[in-house]
C-alpha atoms as a PDB file:
ATOM      1  CA  VAL A   1     122.495 236.777  94.532  1.00  0.00           C
ATOM      2  CA  GLN A   2     122.579 235.995  90.854  1.00  0.00           C
ATOM      3  CA  LEU A   3     124.396 234.303  88.015  1.00  0.00           C
ATOM      4  CA  VAL A   4     125.468 236.498  85.132  1.00  0.00           C
ATOM      5  CA  GLU A   5     125.922 234.807  81.788  1.00  0.00           C
ATOM      6  CA  SER A   6     127.643 236.050  78.679  1.00  0.00           C
ATOM      7  CA  GLY A   7     129.111 234.779  75.448  1.00  0.00           C
ATOM      8  CA  GLY A   8     126.217 233.582  73.343  1.00  0.00           C
ATOM      9  CA  GLY A   9     125.777 234.532  69.716  1.00  0.00           C
ATOM     10  CA  SER A  10     125.262 233.359  66.163  1.00  0.00           C
ATOM     11  CA  VAL A  11     127.902 231.285  64.415  1.00  0.00           C
ATOM     12  CA  GLN A  12     128.313 228.926  61.499  1.00  0.00           C
ATOM     13  CA  ALA A  13     128.513 225.178  61.967  1.00  0.00           C
ATOM     14  CA  GLY A  14     132.011 224.133  62.925  1.00  0.00           C
ATOM     15  CA  GLU A  15     132.822 227.370  64.712  1.00  0.00           C
ATOM     16  CA  SER A  16     133.316 227.956  68.438  1.00  0.00           C
ATOM     17  CA  LEU A  17     131.846 229.990  71.271  1.00  0.00           C
ATOM     18  CA  ARG A  18     132.724 230.355  74.925  1.00  0.00           C
ATOM     19  CA  LEU A  19     130.021 230.949  77.492  1.00  0.00           C
ATOM     20  CA  SER A  20     130.770 232.498  80.870  1.00  0.00           C
ATOM     21  CA  CYS A  21     128.823 232.271  84.112  1.00  0.00           C
ATOM     22  CA  ALA A  22     129.858 234.573  86.943  1.00  0.00           C
ATOM     23  CA  ALA A  23     128.571 234.467  90.493  1.00  0.00           C
ATOM     24  CA  SER A  24     127.352 237.793  91.836  1.00  0.00           C
ATOM     25  CA  GLY A  25     126.579 238.255  95.503  1.00  0.00           C
ATOM     26  CA  PHE A  26     127.838 234.845  96.532  1.00  0.00           C
ATOM     27  CA  THR A  27     130.722 232.470  95.950  1.00  0.00           C
ATOM     28  CA  PHE A  28     130.759 229.202  94.041  1.00  0.00           C
ATOM     29  CA  ALA A  29     132.565 227.418  96.865  1.00  0.00           C
ATOM     30  CA  ASP A  30     130.766 224.139  97.752  1.00  0.00           C
ATOM     31  CA  TYR A  31     128.496 224.405  94.712  1.00  0.00           C
ATOM     32  CA  THR A  32     127.922 222.265  91.672  1.00  0.00           C
ATOM     33  CA  ILE A  33     127.565 224.436  88.605  1.00  0.00           C
ATOM     34  CA  ALA A  34     125.886 223.120  85.505  1.00  0.00           C
ATOM     35  CA  TRP A  35     124.983 224.252  82.026  1.00  0.00           C
ATOM     36  CA  PHE A  36     121.509 223.469  80.758  1.00  0.00           C
ATOM     37  CA  ARG A  37     120.043 224.243  77.376  1.00  0.00           C
ATOM     38  CA  GLN A  38     116.555 224.459  76.009  1.00  0.00           C
ATOM     39  CA  ALA A  39     115.590 224.423  72.361  1.00  0.00           C
ATOM     40  CA  PRO A  40     112.084 225.426  71.216  1.00  0.00           C
ATOM     41  CA  GLY A  41     109.614 222.655  71.981  1.00  0.00           C
ATOM     42  CA  ASN A  42     112.136 220.696  74.001  1.00  0.00           C
ATOM     43  CA  GLU A  43     112.652 220.206  77.702  1.00  0.00           C
ATOM     44  CA  ARG A  44     115.560 221.835  79.449  1.00  0.00           C
ATOM     45  CA  GLU A  45     118.460 219.387  79.418  1.00  0.00           C
ATOM     46  CA  GLY A  46     121.654 219.337  81.418  1.00  0.00           C
ATOM     47  CA  ILE A  47     124.674 219.155  79.168  1.00  0.00           C
ATOM     48  CA  SER A  48     127.644 219.706  81.452  1.00  0.00           C
ATOM     49  CA  GLY A  49     128.519 220.217  85.081  1.00  0.00           C
ATOM     50  CA  ILE A  50     131.463 220.818  87.379  1.00  0.00           C
ATOM     51  CA  SER A  51     131.817 220.360  91.098  1.00  0.00           C
ATOM     52  CA  ARG A  52     133.666 223.011  93.097  1.00  0.00           C
ATOM     53  CA  ILE A  53     133.889 220.426  95.867  1.00  0.00           C
ATOM     54  CA  ASP A  54     135.904 217.703  94.127  1.00  0.00           C
ATOM     55  CA  GLY A  55     136.488 219.053  90.625  1.00  0.00           C
ATOM     56  CA  SER A  56     134.513 216.289  88.943  1.00  0.00           C
ATOM     57  CA  THR A  57     132.887 217.037  85.619  1.00  0.00           C
ATOM     58  CA  TYR A  58     130.110 215.675  83.463  1.00  0.00           C
ATOM     59  CA  TYR A  59     129.271 215.894  79.777  1.00  0.00           C
ATOM     60  CA  ARG A  60     126.167 214.749  78.004  1.00  0.00           C
ATOM     61  CA  ASP A  61     126.992 212.338  75.205  1.00  0.00           C
ATOM     62  CA  SER A  62     125.811 214.792  72.567  1.00  0.00           C
ATOM     63  CA  VAL A  63     128.491 217.324  73.551  1.00  0.00           C
ATOM     64  CA  LYS A  64     131.251 215.044  74.782  1.00  0.00           C
ATOM     65  CA  GLY A  65     134.538 215.724  72.987  1.00  0.00           C
ATOM     66  CA  ARG A  66     133.334 219.105  71.697  1.00  0.00           C
ATOM     67  CA  PHE A  67     132.484 221.080  74.844  1.00  0.00           C
ATOM     68  CA  THR A  68     134.763 221.726  77.818  1.00  0.00           C
ATOM     69  CA  ILE A  69     133.667 223.062  81.199  1.00  0.00           C
ATOM     70  CA  SER A  70     136.156 224.824  83.438  1.00  0.00           C
ATOM     71  CA  SER A  71     136.201 226.967  86.539  1.00  0.00           C
ATOM     72  CA  ASP A  72     138.246 230.010  87.484  1.00  0.00           C
ATOM     73  CA  ASN A  73     137.908 229.820  91.234  1.00  0.00           C
ATOM     74  CA  ALA A  74     139.542 233.194  91.842  1.00  0.00           C
ATOM     75  CA  LYS A  75     136.946 234.886  89.641  1.00  0.00           C
ATOM     76  CA  ASP A  76     134.023 232.684  90.719  1.00  0.00           C
ATOM     77  CA  THR A  77     133.362 232.111  87.048  1.00  0.00           C
ATOM     78  CA  VAL A  78     132.589 228.931  85.142  1.00  0.00           C
ATOM     79  CA  TYR A  79     133.149 228.648  81.426  1.00  0.00           C
ATOM     80  CA  LEU A  80     131.760 226.406  78.720  1.00  0.00           C
ATOM     81  CA  GLN A  81     134.018 226.230  75.699  1.00  0.00           C
ATOM     82  CA  MET A  82     131.981 224.978  72.766  1.00  0.00           C
ATOM     83  CA  ASN A  83     133.872 223.791  69.689  1.00  0.00           C
ATOM     84  CA  SER A  84     132.715 222.185  66.455  1.00  0.00           C
ATOM     85  CA  LEU A  85     129.251 223.591  66.947  1.00  0.00           C
ATOM     86  CA  LYS A  86     126.371 221.947  65.124  1.00  0.00           C
ATOM     87  CA  SER A  87     122.947 223.247  64.161  1.00  0.00           C
ATOM     88  CA  GLU A  88     121.422 220.959  66.785  1.00  0.00           C
ATOM     89  CA  ASP A  89     123.299 222.908  69.461  1.00  0.00           C
ATOM     90  CA  THR A  90     121.000 225.862  68.801  1.00  0.00           C
ATOM     91  CA  ALA A  91     119.218 226.678  72.064  1.00  0.00           C
ATOM     92  CA  ILE A  92     119.057 229.040  74.991  1.00  0.00           C
ATOM     93  CA  TYR A  93     121.864 228.134  77.368  1.00  0.00           C
ATOM     94  CA  TYR A  94     121.501 228.574  81.118  1.00  0.00           C
ATOM     95  CA  CYS A  95     123.994 228.176  83.907  1.00  0.00           C
ATOM     96  CA  ALA A  96     122.760 227.039  87.279  1.00  0.00           C
ATOM     97  CA  ALA A  97     124.240 226.424  90.703  1.00  0.00           C
ATOM     98  CA  THR A  98     123.254 224.206  93.592  1.00  0.00           C
ATOM     99  CA  LYS A  99     124.518 222.922  96.920  1.00  0.00           C
ATOM    100  CA  ALA A 100     122.427 219.799  96.517  1.00  0.00           C
ATOM    101  CA  PRO A 101     124.469 216.556  96.479  1.00  0.00           C
ATOM    102  CA  ILE A 102     124.613 216.102  92.726  1.00  0.00           C
ATOM    103  CA  ILE A 103     126.619 213.075  91.660  1.00  0.00           C
ATOM    104  CA  LEU A 104     127.995 214.215  88.318  1.00  0.00           C
ATOM    105  CA  GLU A 105     128.948 210.660  87.409  1.00  0.00           C
ATOM    106  CA  TYR A 106     125.239 210.168  86.682  1.00  0.00           C
ATOM    107  CA  GLY A 107     124.529 213.539  85.112  1.00  0.00           C
ATOM    108  CA  THR A 108     123.697 217.100  86.055  1.00  0.00           C
ATOM    109  CA  GLY A 109     120.539 216.219  87.915  1.00  0.00           C
ATOM    110  CA  PHE A 110     117.189 217.876  87.315  1.00  0.00           C
ATOM    111  CA  PRO A 111     116.558 221.614  86.941  1.00  0.00           C
ATOM    112  CA  TYR A 112     114.464 221.687  90.115  1.00  0.00           C
ATOM    113  CA  GLU A 113     117.557 220.691  92.096  1.00  0.00           C
ATOM    114  CA  TYR A 114     119.245 223.985  91.234  1.00  0.00           C
ATOM    115  CA  ASP A 115     118.730 227.098  93.353  1.00  0.00           C
ATOM    116  CA  HIS A 116     120.346 229.808  91.267  1.00  0.00           C
ATOM    117  CA  TRP A 117     119.913 230.420  87.549  1.00  0.00           C
ATOM    118  CA  GLY A 118     121.390 232.724  84.998  1.00  0.00           C
ATOM    119  CA  GLN A 119     119.230 234.753  82.650  1.00  0.00           C
ATOM    120  CA  GLY A 120     119.996 232.544  79.667  1.00  0.00           C
ATOM    121  CA  THR A 121     121.969 233.304  76.543  1.00  0.00           C
ATOM    122  CA  GLN A 122     120.986 232.432  72.993  1.00  0.00           C
ATOM    123  CA  VAL A 123     123.274 230.271  70.894  1.00  0.00           C
ATOM    124  CA  THR A 124     122.355 229.965  67.231  1.00  0.00           C
ATOM    125  CA  VAL A 125     124.313 227.727  64.891  1.00  0.00           C
ATOM    126  CA  SER A 126     123.646 227.933  61.175  1.00  0.00           C
ATOM    127  CA  ALA A 127     124.350 224.958  58.971  1.00  0.00           C
END
């Protein structure tokens, strides 16, 4: 049972990246899947989430309008399309999944509420 991430890399400010998070050994049905990121010296913060139960989504203010989360249910894969990247987006990005009752209207919830984590993928944005 694991989450497999891909898609990180190094880009210039203003460019785009798409992160992928695939379920392996289980299915995303009935899960909330979220993207967290952690920059050096900072706490891990939830930036976006999607519910496979009702399709609701959440975006942190700092990424709203630039990032888009989506789910390919047939592939059990969640994507994070990141456009207009800024240097402050530089971090390790993690996807996580939980069956806990996360209410995305209020945010992704806390990392401890998530049972499954990806290995993390580095995103570096140069100014």
